Amino acid sequence: MTKIVANTPDNTAVRTALWRALHVQIDEPPHVIEDVVGARLAQDDDGWRERKDMIPAHSRGKRATMVARARLTEDLVTQSVSRGVGQYVILGAGLDTYAQRHPDAGATMTIFEIDQPETQAWKRTRLIELGYDIPEWLVLVPVDFEANDNWWDRLQAAGFDSAHPAVVSWLGVTMYLTEQATTATLARMAGLPRGSTVVLTFFLPTEDLAPEDVPIRRASREGSRRAGTPFIGFYTPDQMITLAQEAGFSAVEHVSATDLADRYFSGRPDGLRPYSGEEVLIATV
């Protein structure tokens, strides 16, 4: 088994990073996103390709979803920066590598990565080991969610300017939260200054999945249950739109898996396209 640094992030963060790298290694170009840095963070050698969850045929839809949601988010960051937005918040950052893949980003923005203290400490050490600087414009914000730490207070204490707009990424989280927790987080984000944008993902109920994707959902749901992080939050697009509108966002856009396929996978000869179980909401203040 590949050696992994002690106190590595949870398996979901590692798997997501490895799927992004797998996309570059085995899928035909053009690549939706090119990210091999996350794999370097997670693993010291190429043994990760032997993991069962990396089997190319079985991971097609999920890895397509991971790269599509990352690409959509980064496109929104680019658009926000062009409008003068200078803050990018990654809530539940895991092994996100935007800062490492865009070393000049500090000229136009400050990036705040929020995650558990252990994950933050591990990532900081690992980046240094790999030769990556942690510049002043990349701020790692440790938040102990399990102890009900207030992420908003921690973010402001780390230098976030709540008087200026931001783009906020909240990917792969709502399925682990109660509706109450999701609603509270949306309300906090809706209080950002005008011009702020939030991009988040949510899980559809199983009955709304494409039939071929139901076994994938069942397997991932069981795996998450065994890992002690069960899926508990499922929403139809209308339900998620309503939550965002009631939280106070002025505009809400639902981006379906089909929309992502049309936007980033159209005309691919390999037929790669996102899994139908996870969709995106873009909410604007």
Protein backbone atom coordinates (compact mmCIF):
# COMPACT_ATOMS: atom_id res chain seq x y z
CA MET A 1 0.00 0.00 0.00
CA THR A 2 1.23 3.48 -0.80
CA LYS A 3 2.70 5.37 2.08
CA ILE A 4 0.49 8.23 3.22
CA VAL A 5 1.57 10.98 5.55
CA ALA A 6 0.28 10.59 9.10
CA ASN A 7 -2.95 12.40 9.94
CA THR A 8 -3.94 12.49 6.30
CA PRO A 9 -7.26 14.18 5.41
CA ASP A 10 -10.38 12.07 5.30
CA ASN A 11 -10.84 9.58 2.53
CA THR A 12 -13.31 11.76 0.64
CA ALA A 13 -10.78 14.58 0.21
CA VAL A 14 -8.09 12.14 -0.90
CA ARG A 15 -10.39 10.33 -3.32
CA THR A 16 -11.56 13.57 -4.90
CA ALA A 17 -7.99 14.71 -5.51
CA LEU A 18 -7.03 11.35 -6.99
CA TRP A 19 -10.02 11.33 -9.33
CA ARG A 20 -8.94 14.72 -10.67
CA ALA A 21 -5.47 13.32 -11.32
CA LEU A 22 -6.91 10.17 -12.88
CA HIS A 23 -8.84 12.31 -15.33
CA VAL A 24 -5.60 13.80 -16.63
CA GLN A 25 -3.86 10.45 -16.78
CA ILE A 26 -6.41 8.25 -18.52
CA ASP A 27 -9.17 10.34 -20.11
CA GLU A 28 -8.77 11.71 -23.60
CA PRO A 29 -8.03 15.42 -24.07
CA PRO A 30 -9.21 18.06 -23.90
CA HIS A 31 -9.15 17.74 -20.13
CA VAL A 32 -11.87 19.56 -18.24
CA ILE A 33 -9.32 20.55 -15.61
CA GLU A 34 -5.65 19.67 -15.28
CA ASP A 35 -4.80 18.92 -11.68
CA VAL A 36 -2.08 16.50 -10.66
CA VAL A 37 -0.96 18.47 -7.60
CA GLY A 38 -3.63 16.94 -5.37
CA ALA A 39 -2.33 13.45 -6.08
CA ARG A 40 1.16 14.58 -5.10
CA LEU A 41 -0.24 15.92 -1.85
CA ALA A 42 -2.09 12.72 -1.02
CA GLN A 43 0.43 10.11 -2.11
CA ASP A 44 4.18 9.67 -2.44
CA ASP A 45 4.18 7.35 -5.46
CA ASP A 46 1.92 5.94 -8.17
CA GLY A 47 0.45 3.10 -6.13
CA TRP A 48 -2.83 4.99 -5.77
CA ARG A 49 -3.86 3.77 -9.21
CA GLU A 50 -4.33 0.33 -7.61
CA ARG A 51 -7.10 1.54 -5.28
CA LYS A 52 -10.49 -0.07 -5.93
CA ASP A 53 -12.18 3.34 -6.14
CA MET A 54 -9.77 4.30 -8.92
CA ILE A 55 -10.83 1.53 -11.31
CA PRO A 56 -11.32 3.55 -14.52
CA ALA A 57 -14.59 1.98 -15.67
CA HIS A 58 -16.21 2.19 -12.23
CA SER A 59 -15.14 5.76 -11.47
CA ARG A 60 -16.03 7.39 -14.80
CA GLY A 61 -19.13 9.27 -13.73
CA LYS A 62 -17.81 10.31 -10.34
CA ARG A 63 -14.48 11.58 -11.60
CA ALA A 64 -16.29 13.47 -14.36
CA THR A 65 -18.44 15.12 -11.69
CA MET A 66 -15.39 16.08 -9.64
CA VAL A 67 -13.60 17.76 -12.53
CA ALA A 68 -16.79 19.42 -13.81
CA ARG A 69 -17.68 21.02 -10.49
CA ALA A 70 -14.08 22.16 -10.02
CA ARG A 71 -13.97 23.68 -13.50
CA LEU A 72 -17.31 25.44 -13.03
CA THR A 73 -16.13 26.91 -9.73
CA GLU A 74 -12.84 28.09 -11.16
CA ASP A 75 -14.61 29.65 -14.13
CA LEU A 76 -16.79 31.57 -11.66
CA VAL A 77 -13.69 32.68 -9.75
CA THR A 78 -12.20 34.01 -12.99
CA GLN A 79 -15.44 35.87 -13.79
CA SER A 80 -15.61 37.31 -10.26
CA VAL A 81 -12.01 38.52 -10.38
CA SER A 82 -12.75 40.26 -13.69
CA ARG A 83 -15.48 42.22 -11.87
CA GLY A 84 -13.05 43.27 -9.14
CA VAL A 85 -13.87 40.63 -6.51
CA GLY A 86 -10.68 40.03 -4.57
CA GLN A 87 -11.56 37.30 -2.04
CA TYR A 88 -12.02 33.58 -2.64
CA VAL A 89 -13.25 31.40 0.23
CA ILE A 90 -13.06 27.61 -0.02
CA LEU A 91 -15.28 26.15 2.68
CA GLY A 92 -14.26 22.53 3.33
CA ALA A 93 -11.10 22.91 1.23
CA GLY A 94 -9.70 19.40 1.59
CA LEU A 95 -6.96 18.96 -0.99
CA ASP A 96 -7.97 21.87 -3.17
CA THR A 97 -4.99 23.00 -5.25
CA TYR A 98 -6.21 26.20 -6.90
CA ALA A 99 -3.49 28.27 -5.21
CA GLN A 100 -0.72 25.89 -6.27
CA ARG A 101 -1.96 25.73 -9.87
CA HIS A 102 -2.37 29.51 -10.05
CA PRO A 103 0.77 30.88 -8.38
CA ASP A 104 0.06 34.40 -9.68
CA ALA A 105 -3.42 34.53 -8.11
CA GLY A 106 -2.15 36.68 -5.26
CA ALA A 107 -1.88 39.64 -7.60
CA THR A 108 -5.66 39.90 -7.70
CA MET A 109 -7.07 38.01 -4.72
CA THR A 110 -6.68 36.55 -1.27
CA ILE A 111 -7.63 32.88 -0.92
CA PHE A 112 -9.01 31.56 2.36
CA GLU A 113 -9.09 27.77 2.80
CA ILE A 114 -11.30 26.58 5.66
CA ASP A 115 -11.04 23.06 7.06
CA GLN A 116 -10.49 21.03 10.21
CA PRO A 117 -7.34 21.96 12.21
CA GLU A 118 -5.72 18.54 11.71
CA THR A 119 -6.26 18.67 7.96
CA GLN A 120 -4.93 22.22 7.78
CA ALA A 121 -1.79 21.33 9.73
CA TRP A 122 -1.22 18.25 7.60
CA LYS A 123 -1.68 20.14 4.36
CA ARG A 124 0.66 22.94 5.43
CA THR A 125 3.38 20.41 6.26
CA ARG A 126 2.83 18.49 3.05
CA LEU A 127 2.96 21.59 0.85
CA ILE A 128 6.26 22.59 2.40
CA GLU A 129 7.64 19.07 1.91
CA LEU A 130 6.75 19.27 -1.78
CA GLY A 131 8.41 22.64 -2.20
CA TYR A 132 5.33 24.82 -2.39
CA ASP A 133 5.37 28.16 -0.65
CA ILE A 134 2.44 29.28 1.48
CA PRO A 135 2.29 32.94 0.45
CA GLU A 136 0.57 35.67 2.44
CA TRP A 137 -2.36 35.64 0.00
CA LEU A 138 -3.12 31.97 0.82
CA VAL A 139 -4.65 31.85 4.28
CA LEU A 140 -5.32 28.48 5.91
CA VAL A 141 -8.16 28.88 8.38
CA PRO A 142 -8.51 26.02 10.89
CA VAL A 143 -12.07 25.50 12.11
CA ASP A 144 -13.08 22.70 14.46
CA PHE A 145 -16.53 21.94 13.06
CA GLU A 146 -16.94 18.96 15.38
CA ALA A 147 -16.63 21.29 18.37
CA ASN A 148 -19.15 23.73 16.84
CA ASP A 149 -16.43 26.25 16.09
CA ASN A 150 -17.84 29.32 14.33
CA TRP A 151 -16.32 29.33 10.83
CA TRP A 152 -17.46 32.89 10.15
CA ASP A 153 -15.71 34.26 13.23
CA ARG A 154 -12.56 32.31 12.40
CA LEU A 155 -12.63 33.56 8.82
CA GLN A 156 -12.88 37.20 9.88
CA ALA A 157 -10.14 36.74 12.48
CA ALA A 158 -7.91 35.39 9.70
CA GLY A 159 -8.24 38.64 7.76
CA PHE A 160 -11.35 38.22 5.64
CA ASP A 161 -12.91 41.61 4.90
CA SER A 162 -16.67 41.23 5.32
CA ALA A 163 -17.20 44.69 3.83
CA HIS A 164 -16.04 43.50 0.40
CA PRO A 165 -17.58 40.84 -1.86
CA ALA A 166 -16.22 37.33 -2.25
CA VAL A 167 -16.74 34.16 -4.21
CA VAL A 168 -17.36 31.18 -1.94
CA SER A 169 -16.93 27.53 -2.89
CA TRP A 170 -18.87 24.96 -0.84
CA LEU A 171 -18.50 21.67 -2.67
CA GLY A 172 -19.26 18.15 -1.50
CA VAL A 173 -20.53 19.12 1.95
CA THR A 174 -24.32 19.51 2.11
CA MET A 175 -24.97 15.77 1.92
CA TYR A 176 -23.33 15.38 5.34
CA LEU A 177 -25.37 18.12 7.02
CA THR A 178 -28.85 18.44 8.45
CA GLU A 179 -31.19 20.82 6.66
CA GLN A 180 -30.92 23.12 9.68
CA ALA A 181 -27.13 23.32 9.37
CA THR A 182 -27.32 23.88 5.62
CA THR A 183 -29.92 26.61 6.05
CA ALA A 184 -27.84 28.37 8.72
CA THR A 185 -24.75 28.33 6.50
CA LEU A 186 -26.70 29.67 3.53
CA ALA A 187 -28.09 32.48 5.66
CA ARG A 188 -24.60 33.43 6.80
CA MET A 189 -23.35 33.48 3.20
CA ALA A 190 -26.34 35.51 2.05
CA GLY A 191 -25.16 38.22 4.42
CA LEU A 192 -22.04 38.81 2.33
CA PRO A 193 -21.80 42.13 0.47
CA ARG A 194 -23.63 42.65 -2.80
CA GLY A 195 -21.73 41.12 -5.70
CA SER A 196 -20.72 37.99 -3.79
CA THR A 197 -21.26 34.57 -5.37
CA VAL A 198 -21.63 31.17 -3.71
CA VAL A 199 -21.28 27.89 -5.59
CA LEU A 200 -22.36 24.72 -3.80
CA THR A 201 -23.20 21.14 -4.63
CA PHE A 202 -26.06 18.99 -3.37
CA PHE A 203 -27.19 15.37 -3.68
CA LEU A 204 -30.43 14.47 -5.41
CA PRO A 205 -32.71 11.91 -3.76
CA THR A 206 -31.95 8.39 -4.99
CA GLU A 207 -35.27 8.14 -6.82
CA ASP A 208 -34.24 11.09 -9.02
CA LEU A 209 -31.01 9.49 -10.26
CA ALA A 210 -30.54 7.95 -13.67
CA PRO A 211 -31.12 4.17 -13.25
CA GLU A 212 -27.53 3.32 -14.11
CA ASP A 213 -26.29 5.58 -11.32
CA VAL A 214 -28.37 4.11 -8.50
CA PRO A 215 -25.82 1.34 -7.70
CA ILE A 216 -23.09 4.00 -7.51
CA ARG A 217 -25.11 5.99 -4.98
CA ARG A 218 -25.87 2.89 -2.90
CA ALA A 219 -22.21 1.90 -2.80
CA SER A 220 -20.97 5.38 -1.90
CA ARG A 221 -23.70 5.79 0.70
CA GLU A 222 -22.71 2.54 2.38
CA GLY A 223 -19.05 3.49 2.27
CA SER A 224 -19.75 6.85 3.90
CA ARG A 225 -21.86 5.16 6.57
CA ARG A 226 -19.04 2.77 7.42
CA ALA A 227 -16.61 5.69 7.57
CA GLY A 228 -18.81 7.41 10.16
CA THR A 229 -19.87 10.24 7.83
CA PRO A 230 -23.30 9.17 6.59
CA PHE A 231 -25.21 10.99 3.87
CA ILE A 232 -28.18 12.74 5.46
CA GLY A 233 -28.93 15.72 3.20
CA PHE A 234 -30.78 15.12 -0.07
CA TYR A 235 -32.61 17.79 -2.05
CA THR A 236 -34.51 18.23 -5.27
CA PRO A 237 -33.41 21.28 -7.27
CA ASP A 238 -36.62 23.11 -6.30
CA GLN A 239 -35.99 22.42 -2.62
CA MET A 240 -32.41 23.71 -2.78
CA ILE A 241 -33.45 26.78 -4.77
CA THR A 242 -36.11 27.54 -2.15
CA LEU A 243 -33.61 27.22 0.70
CA ALA A 244 -31.25 29.67 -1.02
CA GLN A 245 -34.01 32.14 -1.83
CA GLU A 246 -35.36 32.02 1.72
CA ALA A 247 -31.82 32.57 3.01
CA GLY A 248 -31.80 35.90 1.20
CA PHE A 249 -29.92 35.43 -2.08
CA SER A 250 -31.12 37.74 -4.85
CA ALA A 251 -30.50 35.31 -7.72
CA VAL A 252 -30.21 31.54 -7.80
CA GLU A 253 -29.18 29.31 -10.72
CA HIS A 254 -29.46 25.53 -10.78
CA VAL A 255 -26.79 23.78 -12.86
CA SER A 256 -27.78 20.15 -13.47
CA ALA A 257 -25.49 17.26 -14.27
CA THR A 258 -26.86 17.45 -17.80
CA ASP A 259 -25.95 21.13 -17.97
CA LEU A 260 -22.41 20.30 -16.87
CA ALA A 261 -22.21 17.58 -19.51
CA ASP A 262 -23.34 20.00 -22.20
CA ARG A 263 -20.95 22.69 -21.02
CA TYR A 264 -17.75 20.68 -20.53
CA PHE A 265 -18.14 17.26 -22.15
CA SER A 266 -19.96 17.92 -25.40
CA GLY A 267 -18.54 16.06 -28.38
CA ARG A 268 -16.07 13.96 -26.41
CA PRO A 269 -15.22 10.75 -28.28
CA ASP A 270 -14.88 8.79 -25.02
CA GLY A 271 -18.44 9.52 -23.86
CA LEU A 272 -17.26 10.76 -20.47
CA ARG A 273 -19.98 12.67 -18.61
CA PRO A 274 -20.92 13.46 -14.99
CA TYR A 275 -22.80 11.15 -12.65
CA SER A 276 -26.44 12.19 -12.23
CA GLY A 277 -26.54 12.23 -8.42
CA GLU A 278 -24.77 15.52 -7.63
CA GLU A 279 -25.79 18.93 -8.94
CA VAL A 280 -24.74 22.55 -8.49
CA LEU A 281 -26.36 25.73 -7.24
CA ILE A 282 -24.94 29.18 -7.95
CA ALA A 283 -26.34 31.82 -5.60
CA THR A 284 -25.69 35.54 -5.93
CA VAL A 285 -26.04 38.16 -3.23
